[in-house]
Amino acid sequence: MGDIKIDDKVDITDVVCPTTFVKAKIALEELDDGQILRIRMNDGEPVQNVPRSIKEEGHKILKLTENADGTYDLLVQKVGD
């Protein structure tokens, strides 16, 4: 993930929608503005819904990458109110 500094991470591969977004949102709320959160999630509903919901909350999606195990890493930058 190169030159992007990850400030925190959350793994939501063990939960299902809509709890996936709730866990991601709580993790984002604990960060300061401008910090980066890495969210590890499964394919399917999480990949479709979590990035969209986070963007609707006003945060910045930096990158979505597929891992060798079929999970995805989503990098999100927290944007303040």
N, C-alpha and C. Protein backbone atom coordinates (compact mmCIF):
# COMPACT_ATOMS: atom_id res chain seq x y z
N MET A 1 0.82 -1.18 0.00
CA MET A 1 0.00 0.00 0.00
C MET A 1 0.87 1.24 0.00
N GLY A 2 2.15 1.03 -0.24
CA GLY A 2 3.03 2.11 -0.59
C GLY A 2 3.21 3.18 0.46
N ASP A 3 3.02 4.42 0.03
CA ASP A 3 3.35 5.56 0.87
C ASP A 3 2.19 6.05 1.73
N ILE A 4 1.10 5.30 1.78
CA ILE A 4 -0.04 5.70 2.61
C ILE A 4 0.17 5.18 4.02
N LYS A 5 0.15 6.08 5.00
CA LYS A 5 0.34 5.70 6.40
C LYS A 5 -1.01 5.28 6.98
N ILE A 6 -1.09 4.04 7.43
CA ILE A 6 -2.31 3.51 8.04
C ILE A 6 -2.29 3.86 9.53
N ASP A 7 -3.33 4.57 9.99
CA ASP A 7 -3.40 4.95 11.40
C ASP A 7 -4.11 3.91 12.26
N ASP A 8 -5.05 3.18 11.67
CA ASP A 8 -5.78 2.15 12.42
C ASP A 8 -6.36 1.17 11.41
N LYS A 9 -6.78 0.01 11.91
CA LYS A 9 -7.39 -0.98 11.03
C LYS A 9 -8.52 -1.68 11.76
N VAL A 10 -9.49 -2.17 10.97
CA VAL A 10 -10.60 -2.92 11.52
C VAL A 10 -10.89 -4.07 10.56
N ASP A 11 -11.15 -5.23 11.11
CA ASP A 11 -11.46 -6.42 10.32
C ASP A 11 -12.95 -6.72 10.50
N ILE A 12 -13.70 -6.61 9.41
CA ILE A 12 -15.15 -6.86 9.48
C ILE A 12 -15.53 -8.11 8.69
N THR A 13 -14.55 -9.01 8.49
CA THR A 13 -14.83 -10.24 7.75
C THR A 13 -15.69 -11.21 8.54
N ASP A 14 -15.80 -11.01 9.85
CA ASP A 14 -16.56 -11.94 10.69
C ASP A 14 -17.98 -11.47 10.98
N VAL A 15 -18.42 -10.38 10.34
CA VAL A 15 -19.78 -9.87 10.58
C VAL A 15 -20.51 -9.70 9.24
N VAL A 16 -21.83 -9.56 9.32
CA VAL A 16 -22.65 -9.42 8.11
C VAL A 16 -23.32 -8.05 8.09
N CYS A 17 -23.75 -7.64 6.90
CA CYS A 17 -24.46 -6.36 6.75
C CYS A 17 -25.74 -6.40 7.56
N PRO A 18 -26.17 -5.31 8.18
CA PRO A 18 -25.55 -3.98 8.14
C PRO A 18 -24.50 -3.75 9.22
N THR A 19 -24.19 -4.77 10.00
CA THR A 19 -23.20 -4.60 11.08
C THR A 19 -21.83 -4.24 10.52
N THR A 20 -21.54 -4.65 9.28
CA THR A 20 -20.24 -4.33 8.68
C THR A 20 -20.02 -2.82 8.67
N PHE A 21 -21.01 -2.08 8.20
CA PHE A 21 -20.86 -0.63 8.14
C PHE A 21 -20.81 -0.01 9.53
N VAL A 22 -21.59 -0.54 10.44
CA VAL A 22 -21.61 -0.01 11.82
C VAL A 22 -20.21 -0.13 12.44
N LYS A 23 -19.58 -1.29 12.29
CA LYS A 23 -18.23 -1.48 12.86
C LYS A 23 -17.23 -0.54 12.20
N ALA A 24 -17.34 -0.37 10.88
CA ALA A 24 -16.44 0.52 10.16
C ALA A 24 -16.65 1.97 10.61
N LYS A 25 -17.90 2.36 10.78
CA LYS A 25 -18.23 3.74 11.18
C LYS A 25 -17.69 4.03 12.58
N ILE A 26 -17.84 3.09 13.50
CA ILE A 26 -17.33 3.26 14.86
C ILE A 26 -15.81 3.42 14.84
N ALA A 27 -15.14 2.61 14.03
CA ALA A 27 -13.68 2.71 13.94
C ALA A 27 -13.26 4.07 13.38
N LEU A 28 -14.00 4.57 12.40
CA LEU A 28 -13.71 5.89 11.83
C LEU A 28 -13.93 7.00 12.86
N GLU A 29 -14.97 6.87 13.66
CA GLU A 29 -15.27 7.90 14.66
C GLU A 29 -14.16 8.04 15.69
N GLU A 30 -13.39 6.98 15.90
CA GLU A 30 -12.31 7.01 16.88
C GLU A 30 -11.05 7.69 16.35
N LEU A 31 -11.01 7.96 15.04
CA LEU A 31 -9.84 8.59 14.44
C LEU A 31 -9.98 10.11 14.44
N ASP A 32 -8.84 10.78 14.28
CA ASP A 32 -8.83 12.22 14.10
C ASP A 32 -8.99 12.53 12.62
N ASP A 33 -9.45 13.74 12.31
CA ASP A 33 -9.60 14.14 10.92
C ASP A 33 -8.29 13.96 10.16
N GLY A 34 -8.39 13.43 8.96
CA GLY A 34 -7.21 13.23 8.12
C GLY A 34 -6.52 11.91 8.31
N GLN A 35 -6.86 11.17 9.37
CA GLN A 35 -6.22 9.88 9.59
C GLN A 35 -6.81 8.82 8.65
N ILE A 36 -6.04 7.75 8.46
CA ILE A 36 -6.39 6.70 7.51
C ILE A 36 -6.77 5.42 8.24
N LEU A 37 -7.90 4.83 7.83
CA LEU A 37 -8.38 3.56 8.38
C LEU A 37 -8.34 2.50 7.28
N ARG A 38 -7.79 1.34 7.62
CA ARG A 38 -7.84 0.20 6.70
C ARG A 38 -8.94 -0.74 7.17
N ILE A 39 -9.89 -1.01 6.29
CA ILE A 39 -11.00 -1.90 6.61
C ILE A 39 -10.84 -3.18 5.79
N ARG A 40 -10.74 -4.30 6.48
CA ARG A 40 -10.66 -5.60 5.80
C ARG A 40 -12.05 -6.19 5.78
N MET A 41 -12.52 -6.58 4.59
CA MET A 41 -13.89 -7.07 4.46
C MET A 41 -13.98 -8.15 3.40
N ASN A 42 -15.11 -8.85 3.41
CA ASN A 42 -15.37 -9.91 2.45
C ASN A 42 -15.95 -9.34 1.16
N ASP A 43 -15.92 -10.17 0.11
CA ASP A 43 -16.55 -9.85 -1.16
C ASP A 43 -18.07 -9.87 -0.97
N GLY A 44 -18.80 -9.36 -1.95
CA GLY A 44 -20.26 -9.38 -1.89
C GLY A 44 -20.81 -8.09 -1.31
N GLU A 45 -21.81 -8.24 -0.43
CA GLU A 45 -22.47 -7.06 0.14
C GLU A 45 -21.51 -6.06 0.79
N PRO A 46 -20.54 -6.50 1.60
CA PRO A 46 -19.65 -5.51 2.22
C PRO A 46 -18.92 -4.65 1.18
N VAL A 47 -18.39 -5.27 0.12
CA VAL A 47 -17.65 -4.50 -0.89
C VAL A 47 -18.58 -3.54 -1.64
N GLN A 48 -19.82 -3.95 -1.80
CA GLN A 48 -20.78 -3.09 -2.50
C GLN A 48 -21.29 -1.96 -1.60
N ASN A 49 -21.56 -2.27 -0.34
CA ASN A 49 -22.25 -1.32 0.53
C ASN A 49 -21.36 -0.45 1.42
N VAL A 50 -20.30 -1.02 1.97
CA VAL A 50 -19.48 -0.27 2.92
C VAL A 50 -18.82 0.95 2.27
N PRO A 51 -18.14 0.81 1.11
CA PRO A 51 -17.54 2.02 0.51
C PRO A 51 -18.59 3.09 0.18
N ARG A 52 -19.72 2.68 -0.33
CA ARG A 52 -20.77 3.64 -0.68
C ARG A 52 -21.27 4.38 0.57
N SER A 53 -21.53 3.62 1.63
CA SER A 53 -22.03 4.22 2.87
C SER A 53 -21.00 5.17 3.48
N ILE A 54 -19.74 4.79 3.45
CA ILE A 54 -18.69 5.64 4.01
C ILE A 54 -18.58 6.93 3.21
N LYS A 55 -18.67 6.82 1.89
CA LYS A 55 -18.61 8.01 1.04
C LYS A 55 -19.81 8.93 1.32
N GLU A 56 -20.98 8.33 1.52
CA GLU A 56 -22.18 9.12 1.85
C GLU A 56 -22.02 9.85 3.18
N GLU A 57 -21.22 9.30 4.08
CA GLU A 57 -20.94 9.95 5.37
C GLU A 57 -19.98 11.12 5.20
N GLY A 58 -19.38 11.25 4.00
CA GLY A 58 -18.50 12.38 3.73
C GLY A 58 -17.01 12.07 3.81
N HIS A 59 -16.66 10.81 4.03
CA HIS A 59 -15.26 10.43 4.12
C HIS A 59 -14.70 10.14 2.73
N LYS A 60 -13.39 10.10 2.62
CA LYS A 60 -12.72 9.94 1.33
C LYS A 60 -12.22 8.51 1.16
N ILE A 61 -12.67 7.85 0.09
CA ILE A 61 -12.20 6.51 -0.26
C ILE A 61 -10.88 6.68 -1.01
N LEU A 62 -9.81 6.09 -0.47
CA LEU A 62 -8.50 6.22 -1.09
C LEU A 62 -8.18 5.06 -2.03
N LYS A 63 -8.53 3.84 -1.61
CA LYS A 63 -8.13 2.68 -2.39
C LYS A 63 -8.91 1.46 -1.95
N LEU A 64 -9.25 0.60 -2.91
CA LEU A 64 -9.87 -0.70 -2.64
C LEU A 64 -9.05 -1.74 -3.37
N THR A 65 -8.49 -2.68 -2.62
CA THR A 65 -7.65 -3.71 -3.24
C THR A 65 -8.13 -5.09 -2.83
N GLU A 66 -8.03 -6.02 -3.77
CA GLU A 66 -8.41 -7.41 -3.49
C GLU A 66 -7.18 -8.16 -3.01
N ASN A 67 -7.35 -8.92 -1.94
CA ASN A 67 -6.27 -9.73 -1.38
C ASN A 67 -6.29 -11.13 -1.98
N ALA A 68 -5.19 -11.84 -1.82
CA ALA A 68 -5.06 -13.19 -2.38
C ALA A 68 -6.08 -14.16 -1.78
N ASP A 69 -6.53 -13.90 -0.55
CA ASP A 69 -7.49 -14.80 0.11
C ASP A 69 -8.95 -14.49 -0.22
N GLY A 70 -9.18 -13.55 -1.14
CA GLY A 70 -10.54 -13.22 -1.53
C GLY A 70 -11.19 -12.11 -0.72
N THR A 71 -10.48 -11.63 0.30
CA THR A 71 -10.98 -10.48 1.06
C THR A 71 -10.52 -9.19 0.36
N TYR A 72 -11.00 -8.07 0.87
CA TYR A 72 -10.63 -6.77 0.31
C TYR A 72 -10.13 -5.86 1.41
N ASP A 73 -9.22 -4.95 1.05
CA ASP A 73 -8.78 -3.89 1.96
C ASP A 73 -9.26 -2.57 1.38
N LEU A 74 -9.97 -1.83 2.20
CA LEU A 74 -10.46 -0.51 1.82
C LEU A 74 -9.74 0.52 2.67
N LEU A 75 -9.12 1.50 2.02
CA LEU A 75 -8.44 2.58 2.73
C LEU A 75 -9.34 3.81 2.68
N VAL A 76 -9.61 4.35 3.87
CA VAL A 76 -10.51 5.48 4.01
C VAL A 76 -9.82 6.58 4.80
N GLN A 77 -9.94 7.82 4.32
CA GLN A 77 -9.43 8.96 5.06
C GLN A 77 -10.61 9.65 5.74
N LYS A 78 -10.49 9.85 7.05
CA LYS A 78 -11.56 10.50 7.79
C LYS A 78 -11.62 11.98 7.45
N VAL A 79 -12.80 12.45 7.15
CA VAL A 79 -13.03 13.86 6.86
C VAL A 79 -13.96 14.39 7.94
N GLY A 80 -13.56 15.49 8.58
CA GLY A 80 -14.34 16.06 9.66
C GLY A 80 -15.60 16.75 9.19
N ASP A 81 -16.43 17.10 10.14
CA ASP A 81 -17.71 17.76 9.84
C ASP A 81 -17.51 19.17 9.33
